[in-house]
Structure formats: C-alpha cells, structure tokens
Amino acid sequence: MSELSLHHVTRPSILKENAPVLIMLHGYGSDENDLFGFASEMPEELFIISARAPFPIQPYGNAWYAINFDAEMNKWNDNEQAIQTRDLIAKFIDEVKATYPVNKDTVSLLGFSQGTILSYAVALTYPEKIKNVIALSGYISPEMLPEDIETKDYSRLAFYCSHGSQDQVIPVEWARKVPQFLNSLNVKHSYSEFPTGHGVAPQNFYEFRSWLNKRLEK
C-alpha cells in the first residue's frame, strides 16, 4: 500500500509497464472492497485500483461527500465538500500515474452511485486526465462542475452510462437527463437501462466490460 492521498487496493496488470488503468469509486456508505469484486472478471491487462472515499460515516462505510437531511427528510448534497473531493480524486489520479507502471493516457474511471456522480464531475472538470468513464446508477450534478465547461476539450473522452429503471435510491429520471447534457457538450457516450433497482445486473456488467474492451483497443 503506497502513501497516496486515498486509501486503496490494487490488482496489478499482466503487463509490466504502460498498463491501462481502471480506478473504481464506490457508492455512499461502502468501501474499496465493494466494486473490487468486479476485478477478477475484468481484462487482465488492466491495472485496477479501487479507492476508499475520504469521509468515514456512522455506523460504517465511507462517503465522498456528506448528504444532509432536513426535518421533512429532504436530502441535499454538500457541494463544497464534493468539489474538494473532486479535486482530491484528480490529485490521486496524478499520484497513480507517478507511482504505478500504467499508461498515463489510458485512465478509466468506474463509479457506482455517489462514486458515479464524482466520476462525472472529475471527468468533465479534468478531461485531459481521463479517457473512459463507466457511470453506473448515478447522475450529473451541475453544481459540482466548473463554470468554463463549454471551453473544455472532450474529444478524447467517452462515457458508458447505465441505470436501473426500478431504482428507488436515485430516480431513473435523473439519469435520463445525462445523454442530453453530454450531447450539449458533444461528448461520446452510450446509455442503457436495466429492469433492476439500485445495483448492477449481470447483463449490465457484461455490457460495460464489452464497451471498455472496445475502448481499450482504440
């Protein structure tokens, strides 16, 4: 375990150098071991890193940023904290590139739920650092994006976006706004829905793995 800014676990690549790297960002209340279960089924040339969110929450798990509730149980995001974490993840990506034998031009993010919201924020803020994003069961939060988004170069970037049509945690309507948003920026993307709740169905996994394989060949 290296002294990088985020605690993490790794699965090395079969390649000794210039490996494409996949960084996993888990959901609210989970940890680095959650998405790491996908690692054994992912392409062997990938160097896989699963990071732990920086804020422990009670009774267990971690968060990328706080979610607050009012007396009516409406919830809202701590956007200031989210932006700090967005920039921390960007720093972590740079540390990964400097520490591990990976290809600096082939960085992919895989997020779930809150990890997806952060993946969108990182990639759309720092497109020069990222090539691919697998965005599972999340949405784009404009409050976490920079004001100069219209001026950025997204030509290298591509997103695989998916959501469960029965999701009771993050409404599917929020995810359905993503394609229009990405279209407005001319960002390459695909969007899929599956008849599931807040989780990843097997066919969802096979689809995003196939998508990533094709992107790694480019």
C-alpha atoms as a PDB file:
ATOM      1  CA  MET A   1       0.000   0.000   0.000  1.00  0.00           C
ATOM      2  CA  SER A   2       1.561   3.262  -1.161  1.00  0.00           C
ATOM      3  CA  GLU A   3       1.147   6.515   0.740  1.00  0.00           C
ATOM      4  CA  LEU A   4      -1.150   8.074  -1.811  1.00  0.00           C
ATOM      5  CA  SER A   5      -3.879  10.560  -0.914  1.00  0.00           C
ATOM      6  CA  LEU A   6      -6.642   7.919  -0.967  1.00  0.00           C
ATOM      7  CA  HIS A   7      -6.534   4.516   0.719  1.00  0.00           C
ATOM      8  CA  HIS A   8      -6.912   1.877  -1.986  1.00  0.00           C
ATOM      9  CA  VAL A   9      -6.465  -1.736  -3.064  1.00  0.00           C
ATOM     10  CA  THR A  10      -4.899  -2.841  -6.339  1.00  0.00           C
ATOM     11  CA  ARG A  11      -4.931  -5.692  -8.819  1.00  0.00           C
ATOM     12  CA  PRO A  12      -1.788  -5.459 -10.946  1.00  0.00           C
ATOM     13  CA  SER A  13      -1.849  -5.918 -14.692  1.00  0.00           C
ATOM     14  CA  ILE A  14      -0.229  -8.798 -16.576  1.00  0.00           C
ATOM     15  CA  LEU A  15       1.647  -6.001 -18.374  1.00  0.00           C
ATOM     16  CA  LYS A  16       4.854  -4.912 -16.649  1.00  0.00           C
ATOM     17  CA  GLU A  17       4.568  -1.343 -17.912  1.00  0.00           C
ATOM     18  CA  ASN A  18       2.179   1.004 -19.722  1.00  0.00           C
ATOM     19  CA  ALA A  19      -0.887  -0.850 -18.466  1.00  0.00           C
ATOM     20  CA  PRO A  20      -4.272   0.800 -18.958  1.00  0.00           C
ATOM     21  CA  VAL A  21      -5.557   1.737 -15.514  1.00  0.00           C
ATOM     22  CA  LEU A  22      -9.078   1.467 -14.114  1.00  0.00           C
ATOM     23  CA  ILE A  23      -9.893   3.428 -10.953  1.00  0.00           C
ATOM     24  CA  MET A  24     -13.041   2.391  -9.072  1.00  0.00           C
ATOM     25  CA  LEU A  25     -15.096   4.793  -6.938  1.00  0.00           C
ATOM     26  CA  HIS A  26     -17.666   3.102  -4.685  1.00  0.00           C
ATOM     27  CA  GLY A  27     -21.059   4.343  -3.524  1.00  0.00           C
ATOM     28  CA  TYR A  28     -22.118   6.138  -0.343  1.00  0.00           C
ATOM     29  CA  GLY A  29     -21.694   4.038   2.790  1.00  0.00           C
ATOM     30  CA  SER A  30     -19.429   1.455   1.182  1.00  0.00           C
ATOM     31  CA  ASP A  31     -15.655   0.993   0.858  1.00  0.00           C
ATOM     32  CA  GLU A  32     -12.879  -0.002  -1.542  1.00  0.00           C
ATOM     33  CA  ASN A  33     -13.768  -3.710  -1.372  1.00  0.00           C
ATOM     34  CA  ASP A  34     -17.234  -3.244  -2.855  1.00  0.00           C
ATOM     35  CA  LEU A  35     -16.559  -2.700  -6.574  1.00  0.00           C
ATOM     36  CA  PHE A  36     -13.253  -4.584  -6.300  1.00  0.00           C
ATOM     37  CA  GLY A  37     -15.345  -7.746  -6.664  1.00  0.00           C
ATOM     38  CA  PHE A  38     -15.505  -6.925 -10.386  1.00  0.00           C
ATOM     39  CA  ALA A  39     -11.710  -7.005 -10.696  1.00  0.00           C
ATOM     40  CA  SER A  40     -11.295 -10.743 -11.215  1.00  0.00           C
ATOM     41  CA  GLU A  41     -13.711 -10.633 -14.165  1.00  0.00           C
ATOM     42  CA  MET A  42     -12.096  -7.643 -15.881  1.00  0.00           C
ATOM     43  CA  PRO A  43      -9.462  -7.771 -18.663  1.00  0.00           C
ATOM     44  CA  GLU A  44      -6.076  -8.946 -17.375  1.00  0.00           C
ATOM     45  CA  GLU A  45      -4.172  -6.100 -18.998  1.00  0.00           C
ATOM     46  CA  LEU A  46      -5.962  -3.589 -16.767  1.00  0.00           C
ATOM     47  CA  PHE A  47      -4.193  -2.286 -13.682  1.00  0.00           C
ATOM     48  CA  ILE A  48      -7.147  -1.950 -11.302  1.00  0.00           C
ATOM     49  CA  ILE A  49      -7.284   0.393  -8.329  1.00  0.00           C
ATOM     50  CA  SER A  50     -10.275   0.616  -6.001  1.00  0.00           C
ATOM     51  CA  ALA A  51     -10.205   3.706  -3.800  1.00  0.00           C
ATOM     52  CA  ARG A  52     -11.849   4.370  -0.444  1.00  0.00           C
ATOM     53  CA  ALA A  53     -13.819   7.581  -0.021  1.00  0.00           C
ATOM     54  CA  PRO A  54     -12.186  10.009   2.446  1.00  0.00           C
ATOM     55  CA  PHE A  55     -15.032  10.551   4.937  1.00  0.00           C
ATOM     56  CA  PRO A  56     -15.975   7.742   7.383  1.00  0.00           C
ATOM     57  CA  ILE A  57     -19.672   7.664   8.259  1.00  0.00           C
ATOM     58  CA  GLN A  58     -21.609   6.019  11.095  1.00  0.00           C
ATOM     59  CA  PRO A  59     -22.209   3.194  11.764  1.00  0.00           C
ATOM     60  CA  TYR A  60     -19.885   2.019   8.965  1.00  0.00           C
ATOM     61  CA  GLY A  61     -18.706   2.802   5.465  1.00  0.00           C
ATOM     62  CA  ASN A  62     -17.409   5.935   3.807  1.00  0.00           C
ATOM     63  CA  ALA A  63     -18.663   8.881   1.770  1.00  0.00           C
ATOM     64  CA  TRP A  64     -17.157  11.026  -0.971  1.00  0.00           C
ATOM     65  CA  TYR A  65     -19.189  13.943   0.404  1.00  0.00           C
ATOM     66  CA  ALA A  66     -21.894  14.450   3.024  1.00  0.00           C
ATOM     67  CA  ILE A  67     -25.588  14.050   2.264  1.00  0.00           C
ATOM     68  CA  ASN A  68     -27.720  16.107   4.642  1.00  0.00           C
ATOM     69  CA  PHE A  69     -31.391  15.737   5.561  1.00  0.00           C
ATOM     70  CA  ASP A  70     -33.846  18.344   6.808  1.00  0.00           C
ATOM     71  CA  ALA A  71     -36.871  17.865   9.096  1.00  0.00           C
ATOM     72  CA  GLU A  72     -39.033  16.758   6.142  1.00  0.00           C
ATOM     73  CA  MET A  73     -36.351  14.201   5.191  1.00  0.00           C
ATOM     74  CA  ASN A  74     -35.474  16.059   2.019  1.00  0.00           C
ATOM     75  CA  LYS A  75     -31.819  15.486   1.252  1.00  0.00           C
ATOM     76  CA  TRP A  76     -29.185  17.646  -0.362  1.00  0.00           C
ATOM     77  CA  ASN A  77     -25.541  17.328  -1.240  1.00  0.00           C
ATOM     78  CA  ASP A  78     -22.682  19.164   0.438  1.00  0.00           C
ATOM     79  CA  ASN A  79     -21.452  20.546  -2.889  1.00  0.00           C
ATOM     80  CA  GLU A  80     -18.489  22.368  -1.358  1.00  0.00           C
ATOM     81  CA  GLN A  81     -17.219  19.108   0.099  1.00  0.00           C
ATOM     82  CA  ALA A  82     -17.957  17.317  -3.176  1.00  0.00           C
ATOM     83  CA  ILE A  83     -15.834  19.802  -5.121  1.00  0.00           C
ATOM     84  CA  GLN A  84     -12.967  19.330  -2.656  1.00  0.00           C
ATOM     85  CA  THR A  85     -13.218  15.567  -3.183  1.00  0.00           C
ATOM     86  CA  ARG A  86     -13.445  16.017  -6.956  1.00  0.00           C
ATOM     87  CA  ASP A  87     -10.092  17.802  -6.857  1.00  0.00           C
ATOM     88  CA  LEU A  88      -8.668  15.213  -4.431  1.00  0.00           C
ATOM     89  CA  ILE A  89      -9.537  12.426  -6.892  1.00  0.00           C
ATOM     90  CA  ALA A  90      -7.841  14.382  -9.678  1.00  0.00           C
ATOM     91  CA  LYS A  91      -4.723  14.616  -7.492  1.00  0.00           C
ATOM     92  CA  PHE A  92      -4.999  10.880  -6.741  1.00  0.00           C
ATOM     93  CA  ILE A  93      -5.064  10.139 -10.487  1.00  0.00           C
ATOM     94  CA  ASP A  94      -1.804  12.058 -10.896  1.00  0.00           C
ATOM     95  CA  GLU A  95      -0.287  10.125  -7.963  1.00  0.00           C
ATOM     96  CA  VAL A  96      -1.376   6.820  -9.509  1.00  0.00           C
ATOM     97  CA  LYS A  97       0.293   7.760 -12.792  1.00  0.00           C
ATOM     98  CA  ALA A  98       3.505   8.643 -10.969  1.00  0.00           C
ATOM     99  CA  THR A  99       3.522   5.573  -8.674  1.00  0.00           C
ATOM    100  CA  TYR A 100       2.371   2.602 -10.748  1.00  0.00           C
ATOM    101  CA  PRO A 101       3.534   1.200 -14.142  1.00  0.00           C
ATOM    102  CA  VAL A 102       0.491   2.497 -16.001  1.00  0.00           C
ATOM    103  CA  ASN A 103      -0.207   4.265 -19.265  1.00  0.00           C
ATOM    104  CA  LYS A 104      -0.837   7.907 -18.404  1.00  0.00           C
ATOM    105  CA  ASP A 105      -3.057   8.328 -21.464  1.00  0.00           C
ATOM    106  CA  THR A 106      -5.389   5.390 -20.765  1.00  0.00           C
ATOM    107  CA  VAL A 107      -7.101   6.153 -17.478  1.00  0.00           C
ATOM    108  CA  SER A 108     -10.637   4.863 -16.953  1.00  0.00           C
ATOM    109  CA  LEU A 109     -12.989   5.559 -14.066  1.00  0.00           C
ATOM    110  CA  LEU A 110     -15.690   3.170 -12.864  1.00  0.00           C
ATOM    111  CA  GLY A 111     -18.171   4.654 -10.444  1.00  0.00           C
ATOM    112  CA  PHE A 112     -21.314   3.481  -8.700  1.00  0.00           C
ATOM    113  CA  SER A 113     -23.959   5.843  -7.281  1.00  0.00           C
ATOM    114  CA  GLN A 114     -22.116   8.617  -5.382  1.00  0.00           C
ATOM    115  CA  GLY A 115     -18.902   7.358  -6.989  1.00  0.00           C
ATOM    116  CA  THR A 116     -20.545   7.912 -10.386  1.00  0.00           C
ATOM    117  CA  ILE A 117     -21.570  11.473  -9.508  1.00  0.00           C
ATOM    118  CA  LEU A 118     -17.911  12.143  -8.653  1.00  0.00           C
ATOM    119  CA  SER A 119     -16.711  10.346 -11.804  1.00  0.00           C
ATOM    120  CA  TYR A 120     -18.823  12.685 -13.946  1.00  0.00           C
ATOM    121  CA  ALA A 121     -17.513  15.694 -12.005  1.00  0.00           C
ATOM    122  CA  VAL A 122     -13.852  14.649 -12.302  1.00  0.00           C
ATOM    123  CA  ALA A 123     -14.012  13.746 -15.994  1.00  0.00           C
ATOM    124  CA  LEU A 124     -15.936  16.860 -17.035  1.00  0.00           C
ATOM    125  CA  THR A 125     -13.638  19.097 -14.964  1.00  0.00           C
ATOM    126  CA  TYR A 126     -10.331  17.389 -15.866  1.00  0.00           C
ATOM    127  CA  PRO A 127     -10.932  15.746 -19.283  1.00  0.00           C
ATOM    128  CA  GLU A 128      -7.213  15.759 -20.014  1.00  0.00           C
ATOM    129  CA  LYS A 129      -6.697  13.202 -17.214  1.00  0.00           C
ATOM    130  CA  ILE A 130      -9.384  10.671 -18.246  1.00  0.00           C
ATOM    131  CA  LYS A 131     -10.206   8.630 -21.344  1.00  0.00           C
ATOM    132  CA  ASN A 132     -13.153   6.442 -20.322  1.00  0.00           C
ATOM    133  CA  VAL A 133     -15.866   6.590 -17.671  1.00  0.00           C
ATOM    134  CA  ILE A 134     -18.224   3.780 -16.652  1.00  0.00           C
ATOM    135  CA  ALA A 135     -21.030   5.583 -14.828  1.00  0.00           C
ATOM    136  CA  LEU A 136     -23.362   3.182 -13.002  1.00  0.00           C
ATOM    137  CA  SER A 137     -26.542   4.263 -11.185  1.00  0.00           C
ATOM    138  CA  GLY A 138     -25.679   7.941 -10.863  1.00  0.00           C
ATOM    139  CA  TYR A 139     -26.323  11.351 -12.429  1.00  0.00           C
ATOM    140  CA  ILE A 140     -24.582  14.599 -13.353  1.00  0.00           C
ATOM    141  CA  SER A 141     -24.660  17.301 -10.669  1.00  0.00           C
ATOM    142  CA  PRO A 142     -24.041  20.652 -12.438  1.00  0.00           C
ATOM    143  CA  GLU A 143     -23.165  22.243  -9.067  1.00  0.00           C
ATOM    144  CA  MET A 144     -20.009  20.105  -8.989  1.00  0.00           C
ATOM    145  CA  LEU A 145     -18.803  21.262 -12.424  1.00  0.00           C
ATOM    146  CA  PRO A 146     -16.659  24.294 -13.304  1.00  0.00           C
ATOM    147  CA  GLU A 147     -18.102  27.397 -14.951  1.00  0.00           C
ATOM    148  CA  ASP A 148     -15.832  27.100 -18.003  1.00  0.00           C
ATOM    149  CA  ILE A 149     -17.210  23.696 -19.011  1.00  0.00           C
ATOM    150  CA  GLU A 150     -18.146  24.964 -22.503  1.00  0.00           C
ATOM    151  CA  THR A 151     -14.490  25.712 -23.318  1.00  0.00           C
ATOM    152  CA  LYS A 152     -13.008  22.323 -22.433  1.00  0.00           C
ATOM    153  CA  ASP A 153     -11.804  19.694 -24.921  1.00  0.00           C
ATOM    154  CA  TYR A 154     -13.808  16.486 -24.522  1.00  0.00           C
ATOM    155  CA  SER A 155     -12.742  14.893 -27.802  1.00  0.00           C
ATOM    156  CA  ARG A 156     -10.831  12.015 -26.106  1.00  0.00           C
ATOM    157  CA  LEU A 157     -13.490  11.297 -23.530  1.00  0.00           C
ATOM    158  CA  ALA A 158     -16.247   8.664 -23.671  1.00  0.00           C
ATOM    159  CA  PHE A 159     -18.891   7.576 -21.162  1.00  0.00           C
ATOM    160  CA  TYR A 160     -20.796   4.353 -20.637  1.00  0.00           C
ATOM    161  CA  CYS A 161     -23.861   5.279 -18.576  1.00  0.00           C
ATOM    162  CA  SER A 162     -26.426   2.883 -17.124  1.00  0.00           C
ATOM    163  CA  HIS A 163     -29.241   2.898 -14.581  1.00  0.00           C
ATOM    164  CA  GLY A 164     -31.858   0.608 -13.112  1.00  0.00           C
ATOM    165  CA  SER A 165     -35.377   1.504 -14.203  1.00  0.00           C
ATOM    166  CA  GLN A 166     -36.641   0.434 -10.754  1.00  0.00           C
ATOM    167  CA  ASP A 167     -34.002   2.384  -8.789  1.00  0.00           C
ATOM    168  CA  GLN A 168     -35.533   3.664  -5.527  1.00  0.00           C
ATOM    169  CA  VAL A 169     -32.374   5.448  -4.339  1.00  0.00           C
ATOM    170  CA  ILE A 170     -31.575   7.631  -7.371  1.00  0.00           C
ATOM    171  CA  PRO A 171     -34.608   8.131  -9.651  1.00  0.00           C
ATOM    172  CA  VAL A 172     -34.074   6.922 -13.203  1.00  0.00           C
ATOM    173  CA  GLU A 173     -35.408  10.295 -14.426  1.00  0.00           C
ATOM    174  CA  TRP A 174     -32.228  11.927 -13.110  1.00  0.00           C
ATOM    175  CA  ALA A 175     -30.065   9.557 -15.148  1.00  0.00           C
ATOM    176  CA  ARG A 176     -32.195  10.098 -18.267  1.00  0.00           C
ATOM    177  CA  LYS A 177     -31.042  13.730 -18.320  1.00  0.00           C
ATOM    178  CA  VAL A 178     -27.415  12.644 -18.790  1.00  0.00           C
ATOM    179  CA  PRO A 179     -27.462  11.932 -22.569  1.00  0.00           C
ATOM    180  CA  GLN A 180     -28.913  15.371 -23.350  1.00  0.00           C
ATOM    181  CA  PHE A 181     -26.303  17.035 -21.132  1.00  0.00           C
ATOM    182  CA  LEU A 182     -23.432  15.122 -22.770  1.00  0.00           C
ATOM    183  CA  ASN A 183     -24.860  15.784 -26.234  1.00  0.00           C
ATOM    184  CA  SER A 184     -24.782  19.522 -25.500  1.00  0.00           C
ATOM    185  CA  LEU A 185     -21.013  19.181 -24.950  1.00  0.00           C
ATOM    186  CA  ASN A 186     -20.513  16.818 -27.916  1.00  0.00           C
ATOM    187  CA  VAL A 187     -19.217  14.102 -25.595  1.00  0.00           C
ATOM    188  CA  LYS A 188     -19.238  10.496 -26.834  1.00  0.00           C
ATOM    189  CA  HIS A 189     -21.490   8.290 -24.725  1.00  0.00           C
ATOM    190  CA  SER A 190     -23.873   5.364 -24.578  1.00  0.00           C
ATOM    191  CA  TYR A 191     -26.826   4.997 -22.203  1.00  0.00           C
ATOM    192  CA  SER A 192     -28.558   1.798 -21.084  1.00  0.00           C
ATOM    193  CA  GLU A 193     -31.329   0.939 -18.662  1.00  0.00           C
ATOM    194  CA  PHE A 194     -31.916  -2.382 -16.949  1.00  0.00           C
ATOM    195  CA  PRO A 195     -35.055  -3.625 -15.126  1.00  0.00           C
ATOM    196  CA  THR A 196     -33.347  -3.586 -11.738  1.00  0.00           C
ATOM    197  CA  GLY A 197     -33.098  -1.446  -8.598  1.00  0.00           C
ATOM    198  CA  HIS A 198     -30.028   0.328  -7.223  1.00  0.00           C
ATOM    199  CA  GLY A 199     -27.428  -2.222  -8.258  1.00  0.00           C
ATOM    200  CA  VAL A 200     -25.582  -3.803 -11.170  1.00  0.00           C
ATOM    201  CA  ALA A 201     -27.292  -6.651 -13.011  1.00  0.00           C
ATOM    202  CA  PRO A 202     -25.117  -9.335 -14.668  1.00  0.00           C
ATOM    203  CA  GLN A 203     -26.096  -8.175 -18.174  1.00  0.00           C
ATOM    204  CA  ASN A 204     -25.137  -4.633 -17.132  1.00  0.00           C
ATOM    205  CA  PHE A 205     -21.678  -5.860 -16.114  1.00  0.00           C
ATOM    206  CA  TYR A 206     -21.154  -7.776 -19.371  1.00  0.00           C
ATOM    207  CA  GLU A 207     -22.228  -4.761 -21.410  1.00  0.00           C
ATOM    208  CA  PHE A 208     -19.893  -2.264 -19.742  1.00  0.00           C
ATOM    209  CA  ARG A 209     -17.000  -4.757 -19.809  1.00  0.00           C
ATOM    210  CA  SER A 210     -17.504  -5.199 -23.555  1.00  0.00           C
ATOM    211  CA  TRP A 211     -17.719  -1.428 -24.014  1.00  0.00           C
ATOM    212  CA  LEU A 212     -14.461  -0.902 -22.118  1.00  0.00           C
ATOM    213  CA  ASN A 213     -12.707  -3.649 -24.087  1.00  0.00           C
ATOM    214  CA  LYS A 214     -13.587  -1.898 -27.349  1.00  0.00           C
ATOM    215  CA  ARG A 215     -12.385   1.436 -25.990  1.00  0.00           C
ATOM    216  CA  LEU A 216      -9.069  -0.084 -24.848  1.00  0.00           C
ATOM    217  CA  GLU A 217      -8.463  -1.329 -28.389  1.00  0.00           C
ATOM    218  CA  LYS A 218      -8.578   2.227 -29.765  1.00  0.00           C
END
